[in-house]
Amino acid sequence: MGLKYIEQIKTVVLFVLVILSVTLTFSIWSYRPSYDTIEKPKTVDIVMDDKKIRKKLLSRIN
């Protein structure tokens, strides 16, 4: 093979790498994942009187 064709081989390898890079970059930029919709969780309202709230807060401190 020798040094005679080394520049042509480097040119072809560089060309292939550039085309591969452009292709992969385009595939990353145009990627759109399919997201499932997220349902809102059901909430429950809890009513606590002031004494219970204070006890809970104080028990966390101690």
Protein backbone atom coordinates (compact mmCIF):
# COMPACT_ATOMS: atom_id res chain seq x y z
CA MET A 1 0.00 0.00 0.00
CA GLY A 2 2.70 2.48 0.98
CA LEU A 3 2.68 6.21 1.39
CA LYS A 4 1.30 6.76 -2.09
CA TYR A 5 -2.34 6.41 -1.07
CA ILE A 6 -2.17 7.66 2.53
CA GLU A 7 -3.61 11.13 1.73
CA GLN A 8 -6.56 9.64 -0.17
CA ILE A 9 -7.28 7.25 2.72
CA LYS A 10 -7.18 10.10 5.24
CA THR A 11 -9.51 12.14 3.02
CA VAL A 12 -12.03 9.31 2.75
CA VAL A 13 -11.92 8.63 6.51
CA LEU A 14 -12.40 12.33 7.27
CA PHE A 15 -15.31 12.54 4.82
CA VAL A 16 -16.99 9.51 6.41
CA LEU A 17 -16.54 10.96 9.90
CA VAL A 18 -17.99 14.33 8.90
CA ILE A 19 -21.03 12.70 7.26
CA LEU A 20 -21.52 10.49 10.33
CA SER A 21 -21.27 13.52 12.60
CA VAL A 22 -23.83 15.49 10.60
CA THR A 23 -26.21 12.52 10.53
CA LEU A 24 -25.98 11.88 14.27
CA THR A 25 -26.33 15.58 15.08
CA PHE A 26 -29.46 15.83 12.96
CA SER A 27 -30.93 12.72 14.59
CA ILE A 28 -30.32 14.18 18.06
CA TRP A 29 -31.82 17.57 17.12
CA SER A 30 -34.93 16.08 15.55
CA TYR A 31 -35.61 13.44 18.23
CA ARG A 32 -39.03 13.70 19.85
CA PRO A 33 -39.78 11.21 22.63
CA SER A 34 -43.31 10.02 23.19
CA TYR A 35 -44.43 11.17 26.59
CA ASP A 36 -47.50 9.71 28.26
CA THR A 37 -49.85 12.19 29.83
CA ILE A 38 -49.60 12.42 33.59
CA GLU A 39 -52.83 12.37 35.51
CA LYS A 40 -53.21 14.70 38.45
CA PRO A 41 -53.28 12.82 41.76
CA LYS A 42 -56.42 12.98 43.83
CA THR A 43 -56.02 15.19 46.86
CA VAL A 44 -57.77 14.90 50.19
CA ASP A 45 -58.47 17.94 52.32
CA ILE A 46 -57.78 17.40 56.01
CA VAL A 47 -58.95 19.87 58.60
CA MET A 48 -57.02 20.03 61.87
CA ASP A 49 -57.71 22.23 64.80
CA ASP A 50 -55.04 24.53 66.22
CA LYS A 51 -54.18 22.26 69.16
CA LYS A 52 -53.34 19.31 66.94
CA ILE A 53 -51.27 21.51 64.64
CA ARG A 54 -49.31 22.92 67.58
CA LYS A 55 -48.73 19.44 69.05
CA LYS A 56 -47.48 18.17 65.72
CA LEU A 57 -45.13 21.11 65.27
CA LEU A 58 -43.81 20.88 68.81
CA SER A 59 -43.28 17.15 68.56
CA ARG A 60 -41.13 17.69 65.47
CA ILE A 61 -38.97 20.22 67.30
CA ASN A 62 -38.40 17.97 70.35
